[in-house]
Amino acid sequence: STGEYTFPYGGTYSLTITLAATASAANKTIYFYAEEDNGSGWAIRRYSARSRLLATTTAEQTLFTASIHFDVGAKTRHNIWASSASITLNSVDVPGTTAGTVTIPALRVSWEGGL
């Protein structure tokens, strides 16, 4: 899980989840779906699921995006998993830069919007 986010304002938000994933075997997939809590407990957002088949041994930056309306105080969390243990998420230094100064994170969650 990515952890929980509580919306301080109601409105439409844009979500971007970025994964830096590498598969060490062929035909491996990463999956994602979201859950929402409007005060009565966690519920899966039925059509939030996404998947991505990864190329073997190639570091890929994968994006999941969505625009979603939330009420004030609603919470969300996101579940990400792989079809096999042969997929890893790794932070990667950008080539041509000094190591440790410009890094692509293994996982990044970004929300924009509201009001």
N, C-alpha and C. Protein backbone atom coordinates (compact mmCIF):
# COMPACT_ATOMS: atom_id res chain seq x y z
N SER A 1 0.84 -1.19 0.00
CA SER A 1 0.00 0.00 0.00
C SER A 1 0.88 1.25 0.00
N THR A 2 0.37 2.32 -0.60
CA THR A 2 1.14 3.56 -0.69
C THR A 2 0.98 4.43 0.55
N GLY A 3 0.18 4.01 1.51
CA GLY A 3 -0.16 4.87 2.62
C GLY A 3 -1.48 5.57 2.32
N GLU A 4 -1.96 6.37 3.26
CA GLU A 4 -3.25 7.02 3.11
C GLU A 4 -3.10 8.51 2.85
N TYR A 5 -4.05 9.06 2.09
CA TYR A 5 -4.10 10.49 1.84
C TYR A 5 -5.51 10.97 2.18
N THR A 6 -5.61 12.03 2.98
CA THR A 6 -6.90 12.62 3.33
C THR A 6 -7.06 13.94 2.57
N PHE A 7 -8.20 14.12 1.93
CA PHE A 7 -8.45 15.32 1.12
C PHE A 7 -8.99 16.44 1.98
N PRO A 8 -8.24 17.54 2.08
CA PRO A 8 -8.66 18.65 2.93
C PRO A 8 -9.81 19.47 2.33
N TYR A 9 -10.00 19.34 1.03
CA TYR A 9 -11.06 20.07 0.33
C TYR A 9 -11.77 19.11 -0.61
N GLY A 10 -13.06 19.33 -0.83
CA GLY A 10 -13.77 18.56 -1.83
C GLY A 10 -13.44 19.07 -3.21
N GLY A 11 -13.55 18.21 -4.21
CA GLY A 11 -13.30 18.65 -5.59
C GLY A 11 -12.70 17.55 -6.42
N THR A 12 -12.30 17.92 -7.62
CA THR A 12 -11.69 16.97 -8.54
C THR A 12 -10.17 17.06 -8.43
N TYR A 13 -9.55 15.91 -8.27
CA TYR A 13 -8.10 15.81 -8.11
C TYR A 13 -7.53 14.95 -9.23
N SER A 14 -6.28 15.22 -9.58
CA SER A 14 -5.55 14.40 -10.54
C SER A 14 -4.48 13.63 -9.78
N LEU A 15 -4.45 12.34 -10.00
CA LEU A 15 -3.50 11.44 -9.36
C LEU A 15 -2.48 10.97 -10.39
N THR A 16 -1.21 10.95 -9.98
CA THR A 16 -0.17 10.31 -10.77
C THR A 16 0.66 9.43 -9.84
N ILE A 17 0.75 8.16 -10.17
CA ILE A 17 1.64 7.24 -9.45
C ILE A 17 2.71 6.82 -10.44
N THR A 18 3.96 7.02 -10.06
CA THR A 18 5.09 6.67 -10.92
C THR A 18 5.89 5.56 -10.25
N LEU A 19 6.16 4.49 -11.00
CA LEU A 19 6.95 3.37 -10.51
C LEU A 19 8.18 3.19 -11.38
N ALA A 20 9.33 3.01 -10.78
CA ALA A 20 10.55 2.65 -11.51
C ALA A 20 10.75 1.16 -11.31
N ALA A 21 10.23 0.36 -12.27
CA ALA A 21 10.17 -1.09 -12.11
C ALA A 21 11.06 -1.80 -13.12
N THR A 22 11.61 -2.94 -12.68
CA THR A 22 12.42 -3.79 -13.54
C THR A 22 11.98 -5.23 -13.33
N ALA A 23 11.72 -5.95 -14.43
CA ALA A 23 11.37 -7.37 -14.36
C ALA A 23 12.60 -8.20 -14.75
N SER A 24 12.91 -9.22 -13.95
CA SER A 24 14.07 -10.06 -14.27
C SER A 24 13.66 -11.33 -15.02
N ALA A 25 12.38 -11.45 -15.36
CA ALA A 25 11.89 -12.59 -16.15
C ALA A 25 10.81 -12.09 -17.09
N ALA A 26 10.53 -12.86 -18.12
CA ALA A 26 9.57 -12.46 -19.15
C ALA A 26 8.12 -12.52 -18.66
N ASN A 27 7.29 -11.70 -19.27
CA ASN A 27 5.84 -11.71 -19.06
C ASN A 27 5.44 -11.51 -17.59
N LYS A 28 6.01 -10.51 -16.95
CA LYS A 28 5.66 -10.16 -15.58
C LYS A 28 4.89 -8.85 -15.58
N THR A 29 3.90 -8.77 -14.73
CA THR A 29 2.97 -7.64 -14.73
C THR A 29 2.92 -6.99 -13.36
N ILE A 30 2.80 -5.65 -13.36
CA ILE A 30 2.51 -4.94 -12.12
C ILE A 30 1.04 -4.51 -12.17
N TYR A 31 0.41 -4.48 -11.01
CA TYR A 31 -1.01 -4.17 -10.88
C TYR A 31 -1.21 -3.04 -9.87
N PHE A 32 -2.33 -2.37 -9.99
CA PHE A 32 -2.66 -1.24 -9.13
C PHE A 32 -4.18 -1.17 -8.98
N TYR A 33 -4.65 -0.81 -7.78
CA TYR A 33 -6.05 -0.40 -7.60
C TYR A 33 -6.15 0.52 -6.39
N ALA A 34 -7.26 1.25 -6.31
CA ALA A 34 -7.45 2.23 -5.25
C ALA A 34 -8.60 1.83 -4.34
N GLU A 35 -8.50 2.29 -3.09
CA GLU A 35 -9.58 2.16 -2.11
C GLU A 35 -9.91 3.55 -1.59
N GLU A 36 -11.17 3.74 -1.17
CA GLU A 36 -11.62 5.03 -0.66
C GLU A 36 -12.41 4.82 0.63
N ASP A 37 -12.24 5.76 1.56
CA ASP A 37 -13.01 5.75 2.81
C ASP A 37 -13.68 7.12 2.97
N ASN A 38 -15.00 7.12 2.89
CA ASN A 38 -15.78 8.35 3.09
C ASN A 38 -16.36 8.43 4.50
N GLY A 39 -15.79 7.69 5.42
CA GLY A 39 -16.25 7.71 6.81
C GLY A 39 -16.94 6.44 7.24
N SER A 40 -17.23 5.54 6.30
CA SER A 40 -17.91 4.31 6.66
C SER A 40 -17.05 3.07 6.41
N GLY A 41 -15.75 3.26 6.30
CA GLY A 41 -14.83 2.13 6.09
C GLY A 41 -14.29 2.09 4.67
N TRP A 42 -13.26 1.31 4.49
CA TRP A 42 -12.57 1.22 3.20
C TRP A 42 -13.39 0.42 2.20
N ALA A 43 -13.48 0.93 0.96
CA ALA A 43 -14.16 0.25 -0.13
C ALA A 43 -13.30 0.37 -1.39
N ILE A 44 -13.22 -0.70 -2.15
CA ILE A 44 -12.46 -0.69 -3.40
C ILE A 44 -13.19 0.17 -4.43
N ARG A 45 -12.44 1.02 -5.12
CA ARG A 45 -13.00 1.77 -6.27
C ARG A 45 -12.95 0.81 -7.46
N ARG A 46 -14.10 0.27 -7.80
CA ARG A 46 -14.21 -0.85 -8.73
C ARG A 46 -13.43 -0.69 -10.03
N TYR A 47 -13.53 0.43 -10.69
CA TYR A 47 -12.90 0.60 -11.99
C TYR A 47 -11.54 1.30 -11.92
N SER A 48 -10.91 1.27 -10.76
CA SER A 48 -9.61 1.93 -10.59
C SER A 48 -8.44 1.03 -10.98
N ALA A 49 -8.67 -0.24 -11.21
CA ALA A 49 -7.58 -1.19 -11.47
C ALA A 49 -6.86 -0.89 -12.78
N ARG A 50 -5.55 -1.07 -12.74
CA ARG A 50 -4.70 -0.90 -13.92
C ARG A 50 -3.64 -2.00 -13.87
N SER A 51 -3.06 -2.31 -15.03
CA SER A 51 -1.95 -3.27 -15.08
C SER A 51 -0.98 -2.85 -16.17
N ARG A 52 0.24 -3.36 -16.06
CA ARG A 52 1.27 -3.05 -17.06
C ARG A 52 2.22 -4.24 -17.17
N LEU A 53 2.33 -4.79 -18.38
CA LEU A 53 3.28 -5.86 -18.67
C LEU A 53 4.65 -5.22 -18.89
N LEU A 54 5.67 -5.74 -18.20
CA LEU A 54 7.01 -5.17 -18.29
C LEU A 54 7.92 -5.98 -19.20
N ALA A 55 8.80 -5.29 -19.91
CA ALA A 55 9.83 -5.95 -20.71
C ALA A 55 10.89 -6.52 -19.77
N THR A 56 11.50 -7.61 -20.18
CA THR A 56 12.50 -8.28 -19.35
C THR A 56 13.78 -7.46 -19.24
N THR A 57 14.28 -7.33 -18.03
CA THR A 57 15.55 -6.67 -17.66
C THR A 57 15.67 -5.23 -18.11
N THR A 58 14.57 -4.59 -18.45
CA THR A 58 14.60 -3.19 -18.83
C THR A 58 13.98 -2.36 -17.72
N ALA A 59 14.73 -1.38 -17.21
CA ALA A 59 14.18 -0.48 -16.20
C ALA A 59 13.15 0.42 -16.89
N GLU A 60 11.91 0.38 -16.41
CA GLU A 60 10.84 1.16 -17.02
C GLU A 60 10.19 2.07 -15.99
N GLN A 61 9.89 3.27 -16.42
CA GLN A 61 9.14 4.18 -15.57
C GLN A 61 7.68 4.06 -16.00
N THR A 62 6.84 3.58 -15.09
CA THR A 62 5.44 3.33 -15.37
C THR A 62 4.58 4.37 -14.68
N LEU A 63 3.62 4.93 -15.41
CA LEU A 63 2.71 5.93 -14.86
C LEU A 63 1.29 5.39 -14.81
N PHE A 64 0.63 5.59 -13.67
CA PHE A 64 -0.80 5.38 -13.55
C PHE A 64 -1.40 6.75 -13.27
N THR A 65 -2.38 7.16 -14.05
CA THR A 65 -2.99 8.48 -13.85
C THR A 65 -4.51 8.36 -13.81
N ALA A 66 -5.14 9.31 -13.11
CA ALA A 66 -6.61 9.36 -13.04
C ALA A 66 -7.04 10.74 -12.55
N SER A 67 -8.24 11.15 -12.95
CA SER A 67 -8.90 12.34 -12.40
C SER A 67 -10.13 11.86 -11.65
N ILE A 68 -10.25 12.24 -10.38
CA ILE A 68 -11.27 11.68 -9.51
C ILE A 68 -11.86 12.78 -8.63
N HIS A 69 -13.17 12.72 -8.39
CA HIS A 69 -13.82 13.66 -7.48
C HIS A 69 -13.86 13.04 -6.08
N PHE A 70 -13.48 13.85 -5.07
CA PHE A 70 -13.54 13.42 -3.67
C PHE A 70 -14.27 14.46 -2.84
N ASP A 71 -15.00 13.99 -1.85
CA ASP A 71 -15.63 14.88 -0.87
C ASP A 71 -14.59 15.29 0.16
N VAL A 72 -14.81 16.43 0.81
CA VAL A 72 -13.90 16.88 1.86
C VAL A 72 -13.80 15.81 2.94
N GLY A 73 -12.58 15.52 3.37
CA GLY A 73 -12.33 14.54 4.42
C GLY A 73 -12.23 13.10 3.96
N ALA A 74 -12.51 12.83 2.68
CA ALA A 74 -12.38 11.47 2.17
C ALA A 74 -10.91 11.05 2.22
N LYS A 75 -10.69 9.74 2.35
CA LYS A 75 -9.34 9.20 2.36
C LYS A 75 -9.19 8.23 1.20
N THR A 76 -7.97 8.09 0.73
CA THR A 76 -7.68 7.10 -0.31
C THR A 76 -6.35 6.43 0.00
N ARG A 77 -6.23 5.21 -0.48
CA ARG A 77 -4.96 4.48 -0.44
C ARG A 77 -4.91 3.62 -1.70
N HIS A 78 -3.70 3.23 -2.07
CA HIS A 78 -3.50 2.53 -3.34
C HIS A 78 -2.68 1.28 -3.12
N ASN A 79 -3.09 0.21 -3.73
CA ASN A 79 -2.42 -1.08 -3.59
C ASN A 79 -1.71 -1.42 -4.89
N ILE A 80 -0.43 -1.74 -4.77
CA ILE A 80 0.41 -2.03 -5.92
C ILE A 80 1.10 -3.36 -5.64
N TRP A 81 1.05 -4.27 -6.62
CA TRP A 81 1.75 -5.53 -6.46
C TRP A 81 2.15 -6.07 -7.82
N ALA A 82 2.92 -7.16 -7.81
CA ALA A 82 3.44 -7.75 -9.05
C ALA A 82 3.00 -9.20 -9.16
N SER A 83 3.01 -9.70 -10.39
CA SER A 83 2.62 -11.08 -10.66
C SER A 83 3.68 -12.07 -10.19
N SER A 84 4.84 -11.56 -9.81
CA SER A 84 5.95 -12.42 -9.42
C SER A 84 6.96 -11.62 -8.61
N ALA A 85 7.75 -12.33 -7.83
CA ALA A 85 8.82 -11.68 -7.05
C ALA A 85 9.97 -11.24 -7.95
N SER A 86 9.86 -11.51 -9.26
CA SER A 86 10.95 -11.13 -10.17
C SER A 86 10.84 -9.68 -10.64
N ILE A 87 9.91 -8.90 -10.08
CA ILE A 87 9.82 -7.47 -10.37
C ILE A 87 10.30 -6.70 -9.16
N THR A 88 11.18 -5.74 -9.38
CA THR A 88 11.67 -4.91 -8.29
C THR A 88 11.42 -3.45 -8.61
N LEU A 89 11.21 -2.67 -7.56
CA LEU A 89 11.15 -1.21 -7.67
C LEU A 89 12.46 -0.67 -7.14
N ASN A 90 13.13 0.14 -7.95
CA ASN A 90 14.44 0.66 -7.57
C ASN A 90 14.54 2.14 -7.90
N SER A 91 15.09 2.91 -6.96
CA SER A 91 15.46 4.28 -7.27
C SER A 91 16.70 4.22 -8.16
N VAL A 92 16.75 5.09 -9.17
CA VAL A 92 17.83 5.03 -10.16
C VAL A 92 18.40 6.43 -10.36
N ASP A 93 19.73 6.54 -10.31
CA ASP A 93 20.37 7.81 -10.62
C ASP A 93 20.24 8.08 -12.11
N VAL A 94 19.98 9.33 -12.47
CA VAL A 94 19.87 9.72 -13.88
C VAL A 94 21.26 9.67 -14.51
N PRO A 95 21.41 8.95 -15.65
CA PRO A 95 22.72 8.88 -16.31
C PRO A 95 23.25 10.27 -16.65
N GLY A 96 24.55 10.43 -16.52
CA GLY A 96 25.18 11.70 -16.85
C GLY A 96 25.19 12.69 -15.70
N THR A 97 24.68 12.28 -14.54
CA THR A 97 24.70 13.15 -13.36
C THR A 97 25.59 12.51 -12.30
N THR A 98 25.99 13.29 -11.32
CA THR A 98 26.77 12.77 -10.21
C THR A 98 25.87 11.85 -9.38
N ALA A 99 26.35 10.66 -9.08
CA ALA A 99 25.57 9.68 -8.32
C ALA A 99 25.01 10.29 -7.04
N GLY A 100 23.72 10.06 -6.81
CA GLY A 100 23.09 10.54 -5.59
C GLY A 100 22.59 11.97 -5.65
N THR A 101 22.70 12.64 -6.81
CA THR A 101 22.25 14.04 -6.88
C THR A 101 20.93 14.21 -7.63
N VAL A 102 20.70 13.39 -8.66
CA VAL A 102 19.46 13.45 -9.44
C VAL A 102 18.95 12.02 -9.56
N THR A 103 17.88 11.72 -8.84
CA THR A 103 17.43 10.34 -8.72
C THR A 103 15.97 10.19 -9.10
N ILE A 104 15.67 9.18 -9.90
CA ILE A 104 14.28 8.79 -10.18
C ILE A 104 13.85 7.89 -9.03
N PRO A 105 12.79 8.27 -8.27
CA PRO A 105 12.40 7.45 -7.13
C PRO A 105 11.74 6.14 -7.54
N ALA A 106 11.86 5.13 -6.69
CA ALA A 106 11.24 3.83 -6.94
C ALA A 106 9.72 3.97 -7.02
N LEU A 107 9.15 4.83 -6.17
CA LEU A 107 7.71 5.06 -6.12
C LEU A 107 7.46 6.52 -5.81
N ARG A 108 6.54 7.14 -6.57
CA ARG A 108 6.17 8.52 -6.32
C ARG A 108 4.66 8.64 -6.49
N VAL A 109 4.00 9.25 -5.50
CA VAL A 109 2.56 9.49 -5.55
C VAL A 109 2.34 11.01 -5.52
N SER A 110 1.59 11.53 -6.48
CA SER A 110 1.37 12.96 -6.58
C SER A 110 -0.11 13.24 -6.78
N TRP A 111 -0.65 14.17 -5.95
CA TRP A 111 -2.05 14.63 -6.08
C TRP A 111 -2.03 16.11 -6.42
N GLU A 112 -2.91 16.51 -7.34
CA GLU A 112 -3.06 17.93 -7.66
C GLU A 112 -4.55 18.23 -7.79
N GLY A 113 -4.93 19.44 -7.41
CA GLY A 113 -6.32 19.87 -7.61
C GLY A 113 -7.07 20.16 -6.34
N GLY A 114 -8.39 20.04 -6.41
CA GLY A 114 -9.25 20.35 -5.28
C GLY A 114 -9.84 21.72 -5.40
N LEU A 115 -10.57 22.11 -4.37
CA LEU A 115 -11.26 23.39 -4.35
C LEU A 115 -12.12 23.49 -5.57
